[in-house]
Protein backbone atom coordinates (compact mmCIF):
# COMPACT_ATOMS: atom_id res chain seq x y z
CA GLN A 1 -3.31 10.93 -5.08
CA VAL A 2 -4.59 7.98 -3.05
CA GLN A 3 -3.73 7.20 0.58
CA LEU A 4 -4.26 3.58 2.08
CA VAL A 5 -4.12 2.68 5.78
CA GLU A 6 -4.29 -1.13 6.61
CA SER A 7 -5.47 -2.83 9.88
CA GLY A 8 -6.60 -5.96 10.89
CA GLY A 9 -3.83 -8.44 10.81
CA GLY A 10 -3.29 -10.80 13.56
CA LEU A 11 -2.74 -14.83 14.66
CA VAL A 12 -5.61 -17.13 13.69
CA GLN A 13 -5.74 -21.02 13.95
CA ALA A 14 -6.25 -22.79 10.65
CA GLY A 15 -9.59 -23.00 9.66
CA GLY A 16 -10.11 -19.71 11.15
CA SER A 17 -11.35 -16.35 9.64
CA LEU A 18 -9.93 -12.99 9.58
CA ARG A 19 -11.11 -9.63 7.86
CA LEU A 20 -8.19 -7.21 6.72
CA SER A 21 -9.18 -3.47 6.20
CA CYS A 22 -7.95 -0.92 3.85
CA ALA A 23 -9.18 2.70 4.45
CA VAL A 24 -9.00 4.73 1.30
CA SER A 25 -8.83 8.38 0.89
CA GLY A 26 -8.45 10.51 -2.21
CA ARG A 27 -10.31 11.59 -5.20
CA ALA A 28 -12.01 9.75 -8.05
CA ILE A 29 -11.73 6.45 -6.33
CA SER A 30 -13.96 4.93 -8.75
CA SER A 31 -11.29 5.05 -11.35
CA TYR A 32 -9.02 2.64 -9.56
CA ASP A 33 -8.48 -1.01 -9.14
CA MET A 34 -7.96 -2.15 -5.50
CA GLY A 35 -5.88 -4.93 -5.13
CA TRP A 36 -4.55 -7.21 -2.45
CA PHE A 37 -1.15 -8.92 -2.39
CA ARG A 38 0.95 -10.98 0.04
CA GLN A 39 4.59 -11.47 0.59
CA THR A 40 6.70 -13.90 2.74
CA PRO A 41 10.09 -13.60 3.60
CA GLY A 42 12.61 -14.32 0.57
CA LYS A 43 9.47 -14.53 -1.94
CA GLU A 44 8.21 -12.08 -4.48
CA ARG A 45 4.85 -10.27 -3.79
CA ASP A 46 2.07 -12.38 -4.76
CA TYR A 47 -1.20 -11.30 -6.07
CA VAL A 48 -4.28 -12.13 -4.09
CA GLY A 49 -7.19 -10.60 -5.79
CA ARG A 50 -8.63 -7.03 -6.65
CA ILE A 51 -11.88 -5.22 -6.99
CA ARG A 52 -12.70 -2.90 -9.83
CA MET A 53 -14.26 0.15 -8.21
CA SER A 54 -16.56 1.11 -11.03
CA GLY A 55 -18.90 -1.86 -10.93
CA MET A 56 -17.44 -3.65 -8.00
CA SER A 57 -16.34 -6.66 -10.23
CA THR A 58 -13.85 -8.91 -8.15
CA TYR A 59 -11.16 -11.36 -9.31
CA TYR A 60 -8.98 -13.97 -7.28
CA ALA A 61 -6.04 -15.75 -7.46
CA ASP A 62 -6.88 -19.56 -7.62
CA SER A 63 -5.07 -20.14 -4.45
CA VAL A 64 -7.70 -18.05 -2.59
CA LYS A 65 -10.64 -18.47 -4.81
CA GLY A 66 -13.64 -19.64 -2.75
CA ARG A 67 -12.17 -18.71 0.73
CA PHE A 68 -11.40 -15.15 0.24
CA THR A 69 -13.80 -12.18 -0.86
CA ILE A 70 -13.04 -8.44 -1.20
CA PRO A 71 -16.06 -6.47 -0.15
CA TYR A 72 -16.12 -2.56 -0.36
CA ASP A 73 -18.06 -0.38 2.33
CA ASN A 74 -18.63 2.98 0.50
CA ALA A 75 -19.97 4.80 3.74
CA LYS A 76 -16.50 3.98 5.25
CA LYS A 77 -14.55 4.23 2.06
CA THR A 78 -12.93 0.79 3.14
CA VAL A 79 -11.83 -2.06 1.01
CA TYR A 80 -11.76 -5.51 2.96
CA LEU A 81 -10.21 -8.82 2.51
CA GLN A 82 -12.42 -11.30 4.18
CA MET A 83 -10.47 -14.49 4.72
CA ASN A 84 -12.04 -17.70 5.51
CA SER A 85 -10.84 -21.41 5.87
CA LEU A 86 -7.44 -20.03 6.64
CA LYS A 87 -4.42 -22.20 6.02
CA PRO A 88 -0.75 -22.13 7.47
CA GLU A 89 0.54 -21.45 3.71
CA ASP A 90 -1.77 -18.04 4.04
CA THR A 91 0.78 -16.65 6.41
CA ALA A 92 2.23 -13.46 5.00
CA VAL A 93 2.23 -9.82 5.16
CA TYR A 94 -0.85 -8.53 3.45
CA TYR A 95 -0.74 -5.31 1.33
CA CYS A 96 -3.61 -3.32 -0.30
CA ALA A 97 -2.75 -1.31 -3.35
CA ALA A 98 -4.58 0.91 -5.76
CA ARG A 99 -3.96 1.48 -9.74
CA VAL A 100 -5.57 3.88 -12.08
CA LEU A 101 -7.93 1.70 -14.44
CA SER A 102 -5.86 2.72 -17.54
CA GLY A 103 -2.65 1.63 -15.84
CA ASN A 104 -0.70 -1.53 -15.44
CA ASN A 105 1.12 -1.08 -12.19
CA TYR A 106 -0.11 -0.37 -8.70
CA THR A 107 0.94 2.69 -7.84
CA TYR A 108 -0.03 3.37 -4.35
CA TRP A 109 0.44 0.72 -1.52
CA GLY A 110 -0.63 0.28 2.16
CA GLN A 111 1.98 -0.27 4.95
CA GLY A 112 1.40 -3.88 5.07
CA THR A 113 -0.15 -6.14 7.99
CA GLN A 114 1.10 -9.35 9.13
CA VAL A 115 -1.18 -12.66 9.03
CA THR A 116 -0.12 -15.78 10.97
CA VAL A 117 -2.13 -18.74 10.80
CA SER A 118 -1.04 -21.59 13.10
CA SER A 119 -1.68 -25.37 12.39
């Protein structure tokens, strides 16, 4: 069982930066992928990126590659989504999620946090 609590959303101007946090609790966290997703009204949830907790490899969607990173602070048991050079099209509700390495689907989800980028 994994619990995810997000924080850090808000309003930022285009070109600015914002960092989202996802506090992770539960056992065997190293056996999980931690993903970030985003969703705008009327659209499906889109994949943003993930970090593989065993080895800390990171992967990103093309739309955010070079602008977003996913660091992890082991002391705080927190996964971050560092967002730089933000664009208005990055406006969305952002979710962190977890899945076991052997699975396809993300099973655990945070509550979501709103990010709004003004032009």
